[in-house]
C-alpha atoms as a PDB file:
ATOM      1  CA  UNK A   1      27.595  -5.466 -51.042  1.00  0.00           C
ATOM      2  CA  UNK A   2      30.892  -7.302 -50.922  1.00  0.00           C
ATOM      3  CA  UNK A   3      33.238  -6.795 -48.008  1.00  0.00           C
ATOM      4  CA  UNK A   4      36.325  -8.759 -47.030  1.00  0.00           C
ATOM      5  CA  UNK A   5      37.581  -8.944 -43.472  1.00  0.00           C
ATOM      6  CA  UNK A   6      40.666 -10.823 -42.331  1.00  0.00           C
ATOM      7  CA  UNK A   7      40.251 -12.920 -39.173  1.00  0.00           C
ATOM      8  CA  UNK A   8      42.523 -15.406 -37.544  1.00  0.00           C
ATOM      9  CA  UNK A   9      41.183 -18.951 -37.491  1.00  0.00           C
ATOM     10  CA  UNK A  10      40.617 -18.850 -33.751  1.00  0.00           C
ATOM     11  CA  UNK A  11      38.601 -15.621 -33.875  1.00  0.00           C
ATOM     12  CA  UNK A  12      36.572 -16.871 -36.778  1.00  0.00           C
ATOM     13  CA  UNK A  13      35.727 -20.071 -34.968  1.00  0.00           C
ATOM     14  CA  UNK A  14      34.553 -18.016 -32.018  1.00  0.00           C
ATOM     15  CA  UNK A  15      32.246 -16.062 -34.318  1.00  0.00           C
ATOM     16  CA  UNK A  16      31.001 -19.041 -36.343  1.00  0.00           C
ATOM     17  CA  UNK A  17      30.692 -21.968 -33.978  1.00  0.00           C
ATOM     18  CA  UNK A  18      29.020 -23.942 -36.738  1.00  0.00           C
ATOM     19  CA  UNK A  19      32.250 -24.559 -38.667  1.00  0.00           C
ATOM     20  CA  UNK A  20      33.387 -27.670 -36.817  1.00  0.00           C
ATOM     21  CA  UNK A  21      35.419 -28.736 -39.880  1.00  0.00           C
ATOM     22  CA  UNK A  22      37.875 -25.917 -39.248  1.00  0.00           C
ATOM     23  CA  UNK A  23      38.232 -26.958 -35.641  1.00  0.00           C
ATOM     24  CA  UNK A  24      39.236 -30.469 -36.687  1.00  0.00           C
ATOM     25  CA  UNK A  25      41.604 -29.254 -39.392  1.00  0.00           C
ATOM     26  CA  UNK A  26      43.280 -26.769 -37.076  1.00  0.00           C
ATOM     27  CA  UNK A  27      44.067 -29.461 -34.523  1.00  0.00           C
ATOM     28  CA  UNK A  28      45.390 -31.805 -37.200  1.00  0.00           C
ATOM     29  CA  UNK A  29      49.203 -31.549 -36.991  1.00  0.00           C
ATOM     30  CA  UNK A  30      49.711 -33.511 -40.204  1.00  0.00           C
ATOM     31  CA  UNK A  31      48.229 -30.741 -42.316  1.00  0.00           C
ATOM     32  CA  UNK A  32      50.845 -29.483 -44.782  1.00  0.00           C
ATOM     33  CA  UNK A  33      49.047 -26.212 -45.378  1.00  0.00           C
ATOM     34  CA  UNK A  34      49.425 -23.093 -43.336  1.00  0.00           C
ATOM     35  CA  UNK A  35      46.028 -21.618 -42.886  1.00  0.00           C
ATOM     36  CA  UNK A  36      46.254 -19.075 -40.141  1.00  0.00           C
ATOM     37  CA  UNK A  37      43.817 -16.653 -41.759  1.00  0.00           C
ATOM     38  CA  UNK A  38      40.352 -16.852 -43.199  1.00  0.00           C
ATOM     39  CA  UNK A  39      38.716 -14.392 -45.499  1.00  0.00           C
ATOM     40  CA  UNK A  40      35.121 -13.705 -44.611  1.00  0.00           C
ATOM     41  CA  UNK A  41      32.856 -12.252 -47.237  1.00  0.00           C
ATOM     42  CA  UNK A  42      29.585 -10.683 -46.247  1.00  0.00           C
ATOM     43  CA  UNK A  43      27.601 -11.008 -49.469  1.00  0.00           C
ATOM     44  CA  UNK A  44      24.570  -9.004 -48.456  1.00  0.00           C
ATOM     45  CA  UNK A  45      22.915  -7.759 -45.335  1.00  0.00           C
ATOM     46  CA  UNK A  46      19.597  -9.191 -46.405  1.00  0.00           C
ATOM     47  CA  UNK A  47      20.933 -12.717 -46.852  1.00  0.00           C
ATOM     48  CA  UNK A  48      23.163 -12.604 -43.769  1.00  0.00           C
ATOM     49  CA  UNK A  49      25.440 -15.106 -45.438  1.00  0.00           C
ATOM     50  CA  UNK A  50      29.104 -15.437 -44.643  1.00  0.00           C
ATOM     51  CA  UNK A  51      31.400 -17.333 -46.975  1.00  0.00           C
ATOM     52  CA  UNK A  52      34.762 -18.462 -45.691  1.00  0.00           C
ATOM     53  CA  UNK A  53      37.738 -18.911 -47.973  1.00  0.00           C
ATOM     54  CA  UNK A  54      40.796 -20.545 -46.464  1.00  0.00           C
ATOM     55  CA  UNK A  55      44.125 -19.381 -47.815  1.00  0.00           C
ATOM     56  CA  UNK A  56      46.292 -22.075 -49.409  1.00  0.00           C
ATOM     57  CA  UNK A  57      43.285 -24.381 -49.798  1.00  0.00           C
ATOM     58  CA  UNK A  58      40.450 -24.651 -52.231  1.00  0.00           C
ATOM     59  CA  UNK A  59      37.783 -24.845 -49.521  1.00  0.00           C
ATOM     60  CA  UNK A  60      34.713 -22.648 -49.337  1.00  0.00           C
ATOM     61  CA  UNK A  61      31.845 -22.966 -46.855  1.00  0.00           C
ATOM     62  CA  UNK A  62      28.970 -20.566 -46.497  1.00  0.00           C
ATOM     63  CA  UNK A  63      26.849 -20.058 -43.425  1.00  0.00           C
ATOM     64  CA  UNK A  64      23.388 -18.558 -43.378  1.00  0.00           C
ATOM     65  CA  UNK A  65      23.307 -16.604 -40.144  1.00  0.00           C
ATOM     66  CA  UNK A  66      19.541 -16.204 -40.169  1.00  0.00           C
ATOM     67  CA  UNK A  67      18.903 -19.831 -39.256  1.00  0.00           C
ATOM     68  CA  UNK A  68      20.936 -20.077 -36.051  1.00  0.00           C
ATOM     69  CA  UNK A  69      20.752 -16.506 -34.845  1.00  0.00           C
ATOM     70  CA  UNK A  70      17.071 -16.166 -35.695  1.00  0.00           C
ATOM     71  CA  UNK A  71      16.213 -18.976 -33.303  1.00  0.00           C
ATOM     72  CA  UNK A  72      18.375 -17.462 -30.605  1.00  0.00           C
ATOM     73  CA  UNK A  73      16.884 -14.011 -31.132  1.00  0.00           C
ATOM     74  CA  UNK A  74      13.346 -15.416 -31.006  1.00  0.00           C
ATOM     75  CA  UNK A  75      14.201 -17.342 -27.839  1.00  0.00           C
ATOM     76  CA  UNK A  76      15.732 -14.320 -26.126  1.00  0.00           C
ATOM     77  CA  UNK A  77      12.904 -12.062 -27.320  1.00  0.00           C
ATOM     78  CA  UNK A  78      10.235 -14.443 -26.017  1.00  0.00           C
ATOM     79  CA  UNK A  79      11.936 -14.708 -22.613  1.00  0.00           C
ATOM     80  CA  UNK A  80      12.446 -10.953 -22.332  1.00  0.00           C
ATOM     81  CA  UNK A  81       8.831 -10.378 -23.402  1.00  0.00           C
ATOM     82  CA  UNK A  82       7.515 -12.863 -20.855  1.00  0.00           C
ATOM     83  CA  UNK A  83       9.560 -11.361 -18.023  1.00  0.00           C
ATOM     84  CA  UNK A  84       8.502  -7.853 -19.066  1.00  0.00           C
ATOM     85  CA  UNK A  85       4.840  -8.857 -19.050  1.00  0.00           C
ATOM     86  CA  UNK A  86       5.139 -10.403 -15.580  1.00  0.00           C
ATOM     87  CA  UNK A  87       6.855  -7.285 -14.219  1.00  0.00           C
ATOM     88  CA  UNK A  88       4.240  -5.071 -15.889  1.00  0.00           C
ATOM     89  CA  UNK A  89       1.448  -7.229 -14.427  1.00  0.00           C
ATOM     90  CA  UNK A  90       2.971  -6.893 -10.954  1.00  0.00           C
ATOM     91  CA  UNK A  91       3.325  -3.107 -11.234  1.00  0.00           C
ATOM     92  CA  UNK A  92      -0.195  -2.580 -12.585  1.00  0.00           C
ATOM     93  CA  UNK A  93      -1.572  -4.981  -9.967  1.00  0.00           C
ATOM     94  CA  UNK A  94       0.267  -3.150  -7.187  1.00  0.00           C
ATOM     95  CA  UNK A  95      -1.098   0.187  -8.355  1.00  0.00           C
ATOM     96  CA  UNK A  96      -4.641  -1.224  -8.578  1.00  0.00           C
ATOM     97  CA  UNK A  97      -4.505  -2.903  -5.150  1.00  0.00           C
ATOM     98  CA  UNK A  98      -3.117   0.232  -3.553  1.00  0.00           C
ATOM     99  CA  UNK A  99      -5.765   2.440  -5.169  1.00  0.00           C
ATOM    100  CA  UNK A 100      -8.627   0.140  -4.198  1.00  0.00           C
ATOM    101  CA  UNK A 101      -7.600  -1.003  -0.736  1.00  0.00           C
ATOM    102  CA  UNK A 102      -5.846   2.066   0.702  1.00  0.00           C
ATOM    103  CA  UNK A 103      -8.937   4.258   0.289  1.00  0.00           C
ATOM    104  CA  UNK A 104     -11.107   1.625   1.981  1.00  0.00           C
ATOM    105  CA  UNK A 105      -8.632   1.284   4.849  1.00  0.00           C
ATOM    106  CA  UNK A 106      -8.573   5.061   5.391  1.00  0.00           C
ATOM    107  CA  UNK A 107     -12.383   5.114   5.402  1.00  0.00           C
ATOM    108  CA  UNK A 108     -12.520   2.402   8.089  1.00  0.00           C
ATOM    109  CA  UNK A 109     -10.033   4.261  10.281  1.00  0.00           C
ATOM    110  CA  UNK A 110     -12.094   7.432   9.947  1.00  0.00           C
ATOM    111  CA  UNK A 111     -15.279   5.590  10.950  1.00  0.00           C
ATOM    112  CA  UNK A 112     -13.493   4.120  14.005  1.00  0.00           C
ATOM    113  CA  UNK A 113     -12.570   7.636  15.092  1.00  0.00           C
ATOM    114  CA  UNK A 114     -16.206   8.672  14.679  1.00  0.00           C
ATOM    115  CA  UNK A 115     -17.435   5.699  16.739  1.00  0.00           C
ATOM    116  CA  UNK A 116     -14.915   6.450  19.485  1.00  0.00           C
ATOM    117  CA  UNK A 117     -15.961  10.111  19.521  1.00  0.00           C
ATOM    118  CA  UNK A 118     -19.636   9.116  19.727  1.00  0.00           C
ATOM    119  CA  UNK A 119     -18.952   6.864  22.734  1.00  0.00           C
ATOM    120  CA  UNK A 120     -17.202   9.664  24.576  1.00  0.00           C
ATOM    121  CA  UNK A 121     -20.099  11.984  23.748  1.00  0.00           C
ATOM    122  CA  UNK A 122     -22.666   9.424  24.932  1.00  0.00           C
ATOM    123  CA  UNK A 123     -20.796   8.859  28.220  1.00  0.00           C
ATOM    124  CA  UNK A 124     -20.727  12.596  28.838  1.00  0.00           C
ATOM    125  CA  UNK A 125     -24.450  12.817  28.045  1.00  0.00           C
ATOM    126  CA  UNK A 126     -25.211   9.955  30.480  1.00  0.00           C
ATOM    127  CA  UNK A 127     -23.228  11.704  33.192  1.00  0.00           C
ATOM    128  CA  UNK A 128     -25.141  14.965  32.663  1.00  0.00           C
ATOM    129  CA  UNK A 129     -28.575  13.288  32.512  1.00  0.00           C
ATOM    130  CA  UNK A 130     -28.311  11.505  35.824  1.00  0.00           C
ATOM    131  CA  UNK A 131     -29.053  14.322  38.246  1.00  0.00           C
ATOM    132  CA  UNK A 132     -28.425  12.434  41.372  1.00  0.00           C
ATOM    133  CA  UNK A 133     -25.346  10.382  40.752  1.00  0.00           C
ATOM    134  CA  UNK A 134     -26.507   6.901  41.639  1.00  0.00           C
ATOM    135  CA  UNK A 135     -23.747   4.496  40.902  1.00  0.00           C
ATOM    136  CA  UNK A 136     -25.898   1.589  39.668  1.00  0.00           C
ATOM    137  CA  UNK A 137     -27.862   3.718  37.185  1.00  0.00           C
ATOM    138  CA  UNK A 138     -24.783   5.397  35.710  1.00  0.00           C
ATOM    139  CA  UNK A 139     -22.807   2.133  35.611  1.00  0.00           C
ATOM    140  CA  UNK A 140     -25.627   0.259  33.887  1.00  0.00           C
ATOM    141  CA  UNK A 141     -26.040   2.880  31.148  1.00  0.00           C
ATOM    142  CA  UNK A 142     -22.271   3.343  30.713  1.00  0.00           C
ATOM    143  CA  UNK A 143     -21.725  -0.432  30.435  1.00  0.00           C
ATOM    144  CA  UNK A 144     -24.415  -0.674  27.739  1.00  0.00           C
ATOM    145  CA  UNK A 145     -22.723   2.111  25.805  1.00  0.00           C
ATOM    146  CA  UNK A 146     -19.261   0.547  26.194  1.00  0.00           C
ATOM    147  CA  UNK A 147     -20.619  -2.870  25.170  1.00  0.00           C
ATOM    148  CA  UNK A 148     -22.048  -1.283  22.014  1.00  0.00           C
ATOM    149  CA  UNK A 149     -18.647   0.310  21.335  1.00  0.00           C
ATOM    150  CA  UNK A 150     -16.921  -3.039  21.864  1.00  0.00           C
ATOM    151  CA  UNK A 151     -19.306  -4.763  19.435  1.00  0.00           C
ATOM    152  CA  UNK A 152     -18.612  -2.060  16.843  1.00  0.00           C
ATOM    153  CA  UNK A 153     -14.853  -2.588  17.232  1.00  0.00           C
ATOM    154  CA  UNK A 154     -15.150  -6.367  16.883  1.00  0.00           C
ATOM    155  CA  UNK A 155     -17.364  -5.945  13.819  1.00  0.00           C
ATOM    156  CA  UNK A 156     -14.814  -3.543  12.250  1.00  0.00           C
ATOM    157  CA  UNK A 157     -11.996  -6.017  12.883  1.00  0.00           C
ATOM    158  CA  UNK A 158     -13.814  -9.110  11.630  1.00  0.00           C
ATOM    159  CA  UNK A 159     -15.855  -7.759   8.734  1.00  0.00           C
ATOM    160  CA  UNK A 160     -13.967  -4.682   7.587  1.00  0.00           C
ATOM    161  CA  UNK A 161     -10.385  -5.838   8.232  1.00  0.00           C
ATOM    162  CA  UNK A 162      -9.403  -3.080  10.665  1.00  0.00           C
ATOM    163  CA  UNK A 163      -5.903  -3.715  12.077  1.00  0.00           C
ATOM    164  CA  UNK A 164      -6.293  -1.774  15.318  1.00  0.00           C
ATOM    165  CA  UNK A 165      -4.356   1.345  14.363  1.00  0.00           C
ATOM    166  CA  UNK A 166      -6.151   4.652  13.974  1.00  0.00           C
ATOM    167  CA  UNK A 167      -3.562   6.802  12.203  1.00  0.00           C
ATOM    168  CA  UNK A 168      -4.786   7.514   8.680  1.00  0.00           C
ATOM    169  CA  UNK A 169      -1.196   7.846   7.469  1.00  0.00           C
ATOM    170  CA  UNK A 170      -0.284   4.444   8.917  1.00  0.00           C
ATOM    171  CA  UNK A 171      -1.895   2.188   6.310  1.00  0.00           C
ATOM    172  CA  UNK A 172      -1.064  -1.387   5.359  1.00  0.00           C
ATOM    173  CA  UNK A 173      -1.747  -1.023   1.634  1.00  0.00           C
ATOM    174  CA  UNK A 174       1.329   0.915   0.587  1.00  0.00           C
ATOM    175  CA  UNK A 175       2.747   0.448  -2.922  1.00  0.00           C
ATOM    176  CA  UNK A 176       5.392  -1.962  -1.569  1.00  0.00           C
ATOM    177  CA  UNK A 177       2.772  -4.028   0.252  1.00  0.00           C
ATOM    178  CA  UNK A 178       0.525  -4.087  -2.798  1.00  0.00           C
ATOM    179  CA  UNK A 179       3.466  -5.107  -5.021  1.00  0.00           C
ATOM    180  CA  UNK A 180       4.272  -7.958  -2.636  1.00  0.00           C
ATOM    181  CA  UNK A 181       0.634  -9.065  -2.732  1.00  0.00           C
ATOM    182  CA  UNK A 182       0.518  -9.047  -6.547  1.00  0.00           C
ATOM    183  CA  UNK A 183       3.719 -11.146  -6.643  1.00  0.00           C
ATOM    184  CA  UNK A 184       2.205 -13.603  -4.158  1.00  0.00           C
ATOM    185  CA  UNK A 185      -0.896 -13.860  -6.355  1.00  0.00           C
ATOM    186  CA  UNK A 186       1.305 -14.868  -9.312  1.00  0.00           C
ATOM    187  CA  UNK A 187       3.076 -17.585  -7.327  1.00  0.00           C
ATOM    188  CA  UNK A 188      -0.215 -19.248  -6.353  1.00  0.00           C
ATOM    189  CA  UNK A 189      -1.577 -19.409  -9.908  1.00  0.00           C
ATOM    190  CA  UNK A 190      -1.894 -22.999 -11.055  1.00  0.00           C
ATOM    191  CA  UNK A 191      -2.126 -24.651  -7.644  1.00  0.00           C
ATOM    192  CA  UNK A 192      -5.139 -26.780  -6.856  1.00  0.00           C
END
């Protein structure tokens, strides 16, 4: 395939930054030749070779575009690939964290509701069992029941990570929170 395209010297130098000889010749005011145009021949797509013929001069220089552009393409491709992998890792990590942790958080909140309901039931049972309402007896049994409830709450906070809220829709492990966590995990990789 042979194709000729006419470019001005300036445009050609923008396209082929490798031809520093033209840059020097163009700035040389003592040149007796007018060479305002270059003919660019694209010899074949497979070779990616451009040959430049300057009018009024017997000068030909060919450039193999695969060498320079191939390195740039590989560099850009490797950077884009790396960034894509990091973003993909963050998205998959966020989905995994949300799927694993949100279900556990909902389960804890449900068990807290059950514990609270059991305490209320036990207090009502204590009140019904004491026929003659003696303050010391009722208070002693109610305090034991409340102390057990308090210990259950502390255990849920310390061991299970309960945050104190009981609404099952109000969870900490949303997709945004999980995405933030997966990004934070990436930033700590490599630290001692």
